[in-house]
Amino acid sequence: MKNGLVHIYTGNGKGKTTSAVGLGIRAYGRGFKIYMVQFLKSADTGELNVLKNLEPNFTVKRSEAFNKFTWNMNEEEKRQMTEGVNNLFDAAVKNAESGAWDMLILDEVLGAIKGEFISLKKVVEFVKNKPHGLELVMTGRAAPEELIAISDYVSEINPVKHPMDKGIGARIGIES
């Protein structure tokens, strides 16, 4: 691969992470090495059970477990979350720059930006200076215009209809 491009999966609909993982699986199937970082996520999910079987060439790193929504966190918990998100991002950048990976997936990095756990400036700087051959995938709601402008692919996933509208909650194997 010569030119790594930048992808964004954004919007309020279901399927942003699923799309990123699917792209990662496709790339893995062609011999790519995938490094995926999940920000703001700590719940056990079905895809993690499968991706563990693909290590070391498809590696997933995650944020520390926080069992609260950000609006329920106190200032110390928010500070810890900010520190953890930045440490995770810095480690992802270091891994990307090592040349050992063909694709970097930053799952929910857009949510980390929106929640002010990481600065938009820091992410934009990385995107603009990422290794030339690295394929970069970012997910989350409300993609900032600055990132949209410097990305090659931007897909917006928006709900038309969702079972939650009928009171049906997340189901194991489908939403988790």
Protein backbone atom coordinates (compact mmCIF):
# COMPACT_ATOMS: atom_id res chain seq x y z
CA MET A 1 0.00 0.00 0.00
CA LYS A 2 1.44 3.35 -0.98
CA ASN A 3 -1.00 6.07 0.03
CA GLY A 4 -2.86 5.60 3.28
CA LEU A 5 -6.12 7.52 3.28
CA VAL A 6 -8.31 8.91 6.08
CA HIS A 7 -11.83 7.62 6.78
CA ILE A 8 -14.56 8.99 9.06
CA TYR A 9 -17.70 7.12 10.09
CA THR A 10 -19.96 9.63 11.84
CA GLY A 11 -23.63 10.35 12.58
CA ASN A 12 -26.23 9.37 15.15
CA GLY A 13 -27.02 5.97 13.68
CA LYS A 14 -25.97 2.45 14.64
CA GLY A 15 -23.04 0.96 12.75
CA LYS A 16 -20.05 3.29 12.97
CA THR A 17 -17.86 0.91 14.97
CA THR A 18 -19.23 -2.05 13.02
CA SER A 19 -18.19 -0.36 9.78
CA ALA A 20 -14.70 0.35 11.08
CA VAL A 21 -14.27 -3.22 12.34
CA GLY A 22 -15.57 -4.55 9.01
CA LEU A 23 -13.02 -2.49 7.11
CA GLY A 24 -10.34 -3.74 9.50
CA ILE A 25 -11.39 -7.36 8.91
CA ARG A 26 -11.27 -6.81 5.14
CA ALA A 27 -7.77 -5.35 5.43
CA TYR A 28 -6.67 -8.13 7.80
CA GLY A 29 -7.87 -10.66 5.21
CA ARG A 30 -5.41 -9.08 2.75
CA GLY A 31 -2.46 -9.27 5.11
CA PHE A 32 -2.69 -5.83 6.72
CA LYS A 33 -1.79 -5.32 10.36
CA ILE A 34 -4.50 -3.46 12.26
CA TYR A 35 -4.16 -1.44 15.49
CA MET A 36 -7.50 -0.39 16.94
CA VAL A 37 -8.04 1.93 19.89
CA GLN A 38 -11.43 2.27 21.54
CA PHE A 39 -11.97 5.50 23.43
CA LEU A 40 -14.79 5.94 25.97
CA LYS A 41 -15.77 2.28 25.72
CA SER A 42 -15.32 -0.34 28.40
CA ALA A 43 -18.29 -2.69 28.05
CA ASP A 44 -17.69 -6.22 26.82
CA THR A 45 -18.75 -6.60 23.20
CA GLY A 46 -19.04 -9.54 20.83
CA GLU A 47 -16.54 -8.22 18.32
CA LEU A 48 -13.81 -8.17 20.99
CA ASN A 49 -14.23 -11.92 21.48
CA VAL A 50 -13.50 -12.48 17.78
CA LEU A 51 -10.75 -9.89 17.41
CA LYS A 52 -8.77 -11.47 20.28
CA ASN A 53 -8.37 -14.50 18.00
CA LEU A 54 -6.70 -12.31 15.35
CA GLU A 55 -3.92 -11.01 17.59
CA PRO A 56 -1.16 -9.99 17.20
CA ASN A 57 -1.96 -8.72 13.68
CA PHE A 58 -5.28 -7.19 14.77
CA THR A 59 -4.74 -5.64 18.17
CA VAL A 60 -7.34 -3.73 20.21
CA LYS A 61 -6.54 -1.34 23.07
CA ARG A 62 -9.25 0.30 25.18
CA SER A 63 -9.87 3.06 27.69
CA GLU A 64 -9.89 2.26 31.37
CA ALA A 65 -13.26 1.08 32.60
CA PHE A 66 -15.62 3.88 33.57
CA ASN A 67 -19.14 2.80 34.40
CA LYS A 68 -20.63 6.29 34.26
CA PHE A 69 -21.76 8.58 31.53
CA THR A 70 -19.66 11.73 31.37
CA TRP A 71 -22.53 13.90 32.62
CA ASN A 72 -22.56 11.83 35.84
CA MET A 73 -18.80 12.15 36.45
CA ASN A 74 -17.29 14.43 39.06
CA GLU A 75 -14.33 16.67 38.22
CA GLU A 76 -11.73 14.13 39.40
CA GLU A 77 -13.27 11.37 37.29
CA LYS A 78 -13.30 13.70 34.28
CA ARG A 79 -9.64 14.54 34.89
CA GLN A 80 -8.78 10.84 35.07
CA MET A 81 -10.75 10.18 31.89
CA THR A 82 -8.93 13.02 30.10
CA GLU A 83 -5.56 11.66 31.19
CA GLY A 84 -6.48 8.14 30.14
CA VAL A 85 -7.78 9.23 26.73
CA ASN A 86 -4.65 11.27 26.02
CA ASN A 87 -2.36 8.43 27.11
CA LEU A 88 -4.25 6.03 24.86
CA PHE A 89 -4.08 8.46 21.92
CA ASP A 90 -0.36 9.09 22.47
CA ALA A 91 0.30 5.34 22.52
CA ALA A 92 -1.72 4.94 19.30
CA VAL A 93 0.33 7.68 17.61
CA LYS A 94 3.57 6.05 18.76
CA ASN A 95 2.42 2.69 17.40
CA ALA A 96 1.35 4.28 14.11
CA GLU A 97 4.69 6.01 13.74
CA SER A 98 6.57 2.76 14.42
CA GLY A 99 5.70 1.52 10.92
CA ALA A 100 4.51 -1.81 12.34
CA TRP A 101 0.85 -1.21 11.44
CA ASP A 102 -0.95 -0.70 8.14
CA MET A 103 -4.23 0.57 9.58
CA LEU A 104 -5.09 2.54 12.70
CA ILE A 105 -8.71 2.62 13.87
CA LEU A 106 -9.52 5.36 16.39
CA ASP A 107 -12.96 4.22 17.51
CA GLU A 108 -15.01 6.93 19.24
CA VAL A 109 -12.19 9.47 19.01
CA LEU A 110 -14.80 11.95 17.75
CA GLY A 111 -16.76 11.43 20.98
CA ALA A 112 -13.57 12.02 22.96
CA ILE A 113 -13.13 15.31 21.11
CA LYS A 114 -16.77 16.33 21.64
CA GLY A 115 -16.50 15.48 25.34
CA GLU A 116 -13.34 17.60 25.55
CA PHE A 117 -11.22 14.67 26.73
CA ILE A 118 -8.77 15.30 23.89
CA SER A 119 -8.19 18.44 21.88
CA LEU A 120 -9.30 18.69 18.28
CA LYS A 121 -5.99 20.40 17.54
CA LYS A 122 -4.03 17.34 18.74
CA VAL A 123 -6.04 14.97 16.54
CA VAL A 124 -5.88 17.26 13.50
CA GLU A 125 -2.11 17.58 13.92
CA PHE A 126 -1.76 13.79 13.90
CA VAL A 127 -4.02 13.37 10.85
CA LYS A 128 -2.03 15.96 8.91
CA ASN A 129 1.28 14.32 9.83
CA LYS A 130 0.37 10.64 9.96
CA PRO A 131 2.73 8.17 8.31
CA HIS A 132 2.23 8.26 4.53
CA GLY A 133 1.19 4.63 4.10
CA LEU A 134 -1.05 4.41 7.19
CA GLU A 135 -4.77 3.93 6.56
CA LEU A 136 -6.56 5.88 9.32
CA VAL A 137 -10.16 5.30 10.42
CA MET A 138 -12.00 7.50 12.94
CA THR A 139 -15.50 6.99 14.34
CA GLY A 140 -17.99 8.86 16.49
CA ARG A 141 -20.83 11.33 16.37
CA ALA A 142 -20.53 14.94 15.29
CA ALA A 143 -17.35 14.88 13.20
CA PRO A 144 -15.76 18.35 13.36
CA GLU A 145 -15.51 20.27 10.08
CA GLU A 146 -11.72 20.49 10.47
CA LEU A 147 -11.46 16.69 10.34
CA ILE A 148 -14.01 16.32 7.57
CA ALA A 149 -12.01 18.78 5.46
CA ILE A 150 -8.78 16.76 5.70
CA SER A 151 -10.34 13.30 5.33
CA ASP A 152 -10.68 11.29 2.14
CA TYR A 153 -13.82 9.30 3.02
CA VAL A 154 -16.64 10.61 5.19
CA SER A 155 -19.69 8.43 5.73
CA GLU A 156 -22.59 9.72 7.79
CA ILE A 157 -24.72 7.02 9.38
CA ASN A 158 -28.09 8.32 10.53
CA PRO A 159 -31.07 6.43 11.90
CA VAL A 160 -34.28 6.24 9.92
CA LYS A 161 -35.83 3.75 12.31
CA HIS A 162 -34.45 2.05 15.44
CA PRO A 163 -35.88 -0.57 17.87
CA MET A 164 -35.18 1.79 20.79
CA ASP A 165 -38.05 3.88 19.42
CA LYS A 166 -40.31 0.97 20.46
CA GLY A 167 -38.59 0.49 23.83
CA ILE A 168 -36.41 -2.44 22.70
CA GLY A 169 -33.03 -2.15 24.44
CA ALA A 170 -29.57 -3.28 23.35
CA ARG A 171 -29.39 -6.99 22.57
CA ILE A 172 -26.35 -9.22 23.05
CA GLY A 173 -24.83 -10.12 19.70
CA ILE A 174 -26.56 -7.26 17.86
CA GLU A 175 -25.80 -4.05 19.73
CA SER A 176 -23.20 -5.45 22.14
